[in-house]
Amino acid sequence: MSNTIIDLCWNDFIEGDKKAFEQIYRALLPSLYEYGMRRVKDEDYVRDAIQEVFIKFWENRNKLKVISNPKHYLLVALKNSLLNT
């Protein structure tokens, strides 16, 4: 899924559309997983950290403003999660 599709899903996600959230999740999961595994060599730990990031992402969606690059935003969130845990 391209960034354009993610951008199109973004407003629906902010409004609480679970399908849009799922599309964003599926589109970005491979990149997040690859990034996490480069930083931490523990598959379960990386998977748990990604889940935590997406849970917080969903719970705080109404606080999010326009994000020009959701992928970058979530990569930074994952990096912070891995560092804080």
N, C-alpha and C. Protein backbone atom coordinates (compact mmCIF):
# COMPACT_ATOMS: atom_id res chain seq x y z
N MET A 1 0.85 -1.19 0.00
CA MET A 1 0.00 0.00 0.00
C MET A 1 0.89 1.24 0.00
N SER A 2 0.61 2.12 -0.88
CA SER A 2 1.44 3.31 -1.02
C SER A 2 1.08 4.36 0.02
N ASN A 3 1.98 5.34 0.14
CA ASN A 3 1.72 6.45 1.06
C ASN A 3 0.45 7.19 0.68
N THR A 4 0.11 7.22 -0.61
CA THR A 4 -1.10 7.89 -1.05
C THR A 4 -2.33 7.23 -0.44
N ILE A 5 -2.35 5.92 -0.42
CA ILE A 5 -3.46 5.19 0.18
C ILE A 5 -3.52 5.48 1.68
N ILE A 6 -2.37 5.49 2.33
CA ILE A 6 -2.33 5.80 3.76
C ILE A 6 -2.87 7.21 3.98
N ASP A 7 -2.46 8.14 3.15
CA ASP A 7 -2.95 9.51 3.26
C ASP A 7 -4.47 9.55 3.10
N LEU A 8 -5.00 8.77 2.18
CA LEU A 8 -6.44 8.74 1.96
C LEU A 8 -7.18 8.13 3.15
N CYS A 9 -6.56 7.18 3.82
CA CYS A 9 -7.17 6.53 4.98
C CYS A 9 -7.08 7.39 6.23
N TRP A 10 -6.16 8.33 6.23
CA TRP A 10 -5.83 9.07 7.45
C TRP A 10 -7.04 9.76 8.08
N ASN A 11 -7.79 10.53 7.31
CA ASN A 11 -8.94 11.25 7.88
C ASN A 11 -9.98 10.29 8.41
N ASP A 12 -10.21 9.19 7.70
CA ASP A 12 -11.17 8.19 8.18
C ASP A 12 -10.69 7.58 9.48
N PHE A 13 -9.40 7.31 9.57
CA PHE A 13 -8.81 6.78 10.80
C PHE A 13 -9.03 7.75 11.96
N ILE A 14 -8.74 9.03 11.76
CA ILE A 14 -8.90 10.05 12.80
C ILE A 14 -10.34 10.08 13.30
N GLU A 15 -11.28 9.83 12.40
CA GLU A 15 -12.70 9.84 12.76
C GLU A 15 -13.16 8.53 13.39
N GLY A 16 -12.25 7.55 13.53
CA GLY A 16 -12.58 6.32 14.22
C GLY A 16 -12.92 5.13 13.34
N ASP A 17 -12.61 5.22 12.07
CA ASP A 17 -12.89 4.13 11.15
C ASP A 17 -11.88 3.01 11.36
N LYS A 18 -12.36 1.88 11.87
CA LYS A 18 -11.48 0.75 12.17
C LYS A 18 -10.89 0.13 10.91
N LYS A 19 -11.63 0.16 9.81
CA LYS A 19 -11.13 -0.39 8.56
C LYS A 19 -9.94 0.43 8.05
N ALA A 20 -10.03 1.75 8.16
CA ALA A 20 -8.92 2.61 7.77
C ALA A 20 -7.71 2.36 8.66
N PHE A 21 -7.96 2.18 9.94
CA PHE A 21 -6.88 1.87 10.89
C PHE A 21 -6.20 0.56 10.49
N GLU A 22 -7.00 -0.43 10.16
CA GLU A 22 -6.46 -1.73 9.75
C GLU A 22 -5.62 -1.59 8.47
N GLN A 23 -6.07 -0.78 7.54
CA GLN A 23 -5.31 -0.59 6.30
C GLN A 23 -3.97 0.08 6.58
N ILE A 24 -3.98 1.05 7.46
CA ILE A 24 -2.72 1.71 7.84
C ILE A 24 -1.81 0.70 8.53
N TYR A 25 -2.37 -0.08 9.44
CA TYR A 25 -1.60 -1.10 10.16
C TYR A 25 -0.95 -2.09 9.18
N ARG A 26 -1.75 -2.63 8.29
CA ARG A 26 -1.24 -3.61 7.34
C ARG A 26 -0.19 -3.02 6.40
N ALA A 27 -0.37 -1.77 6.04
CA ALA A 27 0.57 -1.14 5.13
C ALA A 27 1.92 -0.87 5.79
N LEU A 28 1.89 -0.52 7.06
CA LEU A 28 3.12 -0.10 7.72
C LEU A 28 3.79 -1.20 8.55
N LEU A 29 3.08 -2.27 8.84
CA LEU A 29 3.64 -3.34 9.67
C LEU A 29 4.98 -3.88 9.16
N PRO A 30 5.12 -4.20 7.89
CA PRO A 30 6.41 -4.75 7.43
C PRO A 30 7.59 -3.79 7.67
N SER A 31 7.38 -2.52 7.40
CA SER A 31 8.45 -1.54 7.60
C SER A 31 8.79 -1.39 9.09
N LEU A 32 7.76 -1.36 9.92
CA LEU A 32 7.99 -1.23 11.36
C LEU A 32 8.71 -2.45 11.91
N TYR A 33 8.29 -3.62 11.46
CA TYR A 33 8.92 -4.86 11.91
C TYR A 33 10.39 -4.90 11.51
N GLU A 34 10.66 -4.58 10.26
CA GLU A 34 12.05 -4.58 9.78
C GLU A 34 12.90 -3.58 10.58
N TYR A 35 12.37 -2.41 10.79
CA TYR A 35 13.09 -1.39 11.55
C TYR A 35 13.36 -1.86 12.98
N GLY A 36 12.34 -2.42 13.62
CA GLY A 36 12.49 -2.90 14.99
C GLY A 36 13.51 -4.02 15.11
N MET A 37 13.51 -4.92 14.15
CA MET A 37 14.45 -6.05 14.19
C MET A 37 15.88 -5.59 13.96
N ARG A 38 16.07 -4.49 13.24
CA ARG A 38 17.43 -3.96 13.08
C ARG A 38 17.95 -3.37 14.39
N ARG A 39 17.03 -2.88 15.21
CA ARG A 39 17.43 -2.24 16.47
C ARG A 39 17.51 -3.25 17.62
N VAL A 40 16.61 -4.23 17.63
CA VAL A 40 16.53 -5.22 18.70
C VAL A 40 16.37 -6.59 18.06
N LYS A 41 17.19 -7.52 18.43
CA LYS A 41 17.17 -8.84 17.77
C LYS A 41 16.24 -9.83 18.48
N ASP A 42 15.12 -9.33 18.98
CA ASP A 42 14.16 -10.18 19.69
C ASP A 42 12.79 -10.01 19.03
N GLU A 43 12.38 -11.02 18.28
CA GLU A 43 11.15 -10.95 17.49
C GLU A 43 9.91 -10.68 18.35
N ASP A 44 9.78 -11.39 19.46
CA ASP A 44 8.61 -11.19 20.32
C ASP A 44 8.58 -9.78 20.90
N TYR A 45 9.72 -9.29 21.30
CA TYR A 45 9.84 -7.95 21.85
C TYR A 45 9.44 -6.90 20.82
N VAL A 46 9.89 -7.05 19.60
CA VAL A 46 9.56 -6.11 18.53
C VAL A 46 8.07 -6.17 18.22
N ARG A 47 7.52 -7.37 18.12
CA ARG A 47 6.08 -7.50 17.85
C ARG A 47 5.24 -6.85 18.95
N ASP A 48 5.64 -7.06 20.20
CA ASP A 48 4.92 -6.44 21.32
C ASP A 48 5.02 -4.93 21.27
N ALA A 49 6.19 -4.42 20.95
CA ALA A 49 6.39 -2.97 20.88
C ALA A 49 5.53 -2.37 19.76
N ILE A 50 5.45 -3.04 18.63
CA ILE A 50 4.62 -2.55 17.53
C ILE A 50 3.15 -2.53 17.95
N GLN A 51 2.72 -3.59 18.63
CA GLN A 51 1.33 -3.62 19.10
C GLN A 51 1.05 -2.46 20.06
N GLU A 52 1.97 -2.20 20.95
CA GLU A 52 1.81 -1.09 21.90
C GLU A 52 1.70 0.24 21.17
N VAL A 53 2.54 0.43 20.17
CA VAL A 53 2.52 1.68 19.40
C VAL A 53 1.16 1.85 18.73
N PHE A 54 0.65 0.79 18.12
CA PHE A 54 -0.63 0.90 17.43
C PHE A 54 -1.80 1.05 18.40
N ILE A 55 -1.72 0.45 19.56
CA ILE A 55 -2.77 0.64 20.57
C ILE A 55 -2.81 2.10 20.99
N LYS A 56 -1.66 2.67 21.29
CA LYS A 56 -1.61 4.09 21.66
C LYS A 56 -2.04 4.98 20.50
N PHE A 57 -1.65 4.60 19.30
CA PHE A 57 -2.01 5.33 18.09
C PHE A 57 -3.54 5.39 17.98
N TRP A 58 -4.21 4.26 18.19
CA TRP A 58 -5.67 4.21 18.11
C TRP A 58 -6.30 5.01 19.25
N GLU A 59 -5.82 4.80 20.47
CA GLU A 59 -6.42 5.46 21.63
C GLU A 59 -6.27 6.98 21.58
N ASN A 60 -5.22 7.47 20.95
CA ASN A 60 -4.96 8.91 20.92
C ASN A 60 -5.24 9.54 19.57
N ARG A 61 -5.99 8.86 18.72
CA ARG A 61 -6.23 9.36 17.36
C ARG A 61 -6.91 10.72 17.35
N ASN A 62 -7.76 11.00 18.34
CA ASN A 62 -8.45 12.29 18.34
C ASN A 62 -7.54 13.44 18.73
N LYS A 63 -6.36 13.14 19.24
CA LYS A 63 -5.38 14.18 19.59
C LYS A 63 -4.40 14.44 18.44
N LEU A 64 -4.40 13.56 17.45
CA LEU A 64 -3.48 13.70 16.33
C LEU A 64 -3.94 14.79 15.38
N LYS A 65 -3.01 15.51 14.90
CA LYS A 65 -3.31 16.53 13.91
C LYS A 65 -2.85 16.00 12.56
N VAL A 66 -2.79 16.83 11.61
CA VAL A 66 -2.31 16.41 10.29
C VAL A 66 -0.84 16.02 10.41
N ILE A 67 -0.55 14.83 10.00
CA ILE A 67 0.82 14.33 10.02
C ILE A 67 1.22 14.13 8.56
N SER A 68 2.28 14.79 8.17
CA SER A 68 2.67 14.74 6.76
C SER A 68 3.20 13.37 6.35
N ASN A 69 3.74 12.62 7.31
CA ASN A 69 4.31 11.32 6.98
C ASN A 69 4.01 10.33 8.11
N PRO A 70 2.84 9.66 8.06
CA PRO A 70 2.48 8.71 9.11
C PRO A 70 3.52 7.61 9.34
N LYS A 71 4.16 7.16 8.26
CA LYS A 71 5.17 6.11 8.40
C LYS A 71 6.31 6.60 9.28
N HIS A 72 6.81 7.78 9.01
CA HIS A 72 7.90 8.34 9.81
C HIS A 72 7.44 8.54 11.26
N TYR A 73 6.24 9.03 11.44
CA TYR A 73 5.68 9.25 12.77
C TYR A 73 5.68 7.94 13.57
N LEU A 74 5.24 6.86 12.94
CA LEU A 74 5.17 5.57 13.64
C LEU A 74 6.55 4.94 13.83
N LEU A 75 7.47 5.16 12.92
CA LEU A 75 8.84 4.67 13.10
C LEU A 75 9.48 5.34 14.32
N VAL A 76 9.26 6.63 14.47
CA VAL A 76 9.79 7.35 15.63
C VAL A 76 9.11 6.86 16.91
N ALA A 77 7.82 6.63 16.85
CA ALA A 77 7.09 6.12 18.02
C ALA A 77 7.63 4.74 18.41
N LEU A 78 7.90 3.89 17.42
CA LEU A 78 8.46 2.55 17.70
C LEU A 78 9.85 2.68 18.30
N LYS A 79 10.68 3.53 17.74
CA LYS A 79 12.02 3.73 18.27
C LYS A 79 11.94 4.16 19.74
N ASN A 80 11.08 5.11 20.04
CA ASN A 80 10.92 5.57 21.42
C ASN A 80 10.41 4.46 22.33
N SER A 81 9.50 3.67 21.83
CA SER A 81 8.98 2.55 22.62
C SER A 81 10.08 1.54 22.93
N LEU A 82 10.88 1.23 21.92
CA LEU A 82 11.98 0.27 22.13
C LEU A 82 13.01 0.82 23.11
N LEU A 83 13.26 2.11 23.07
CA LEU A 83 14.23 2.73 23.97
C LEU A 83 13.71 2.83 25.40
N ASN A 84 12.39 3.03 25.54
CA ASN A 84 11.82 3.23 26.87
C ASN A 84 11.53 1.95 27.61
N THR A 85 11.49 0.83 26.89
CA THR A 85 11.11 -0.42 27.54
C THR A 85 12.31 -1.19 28.01
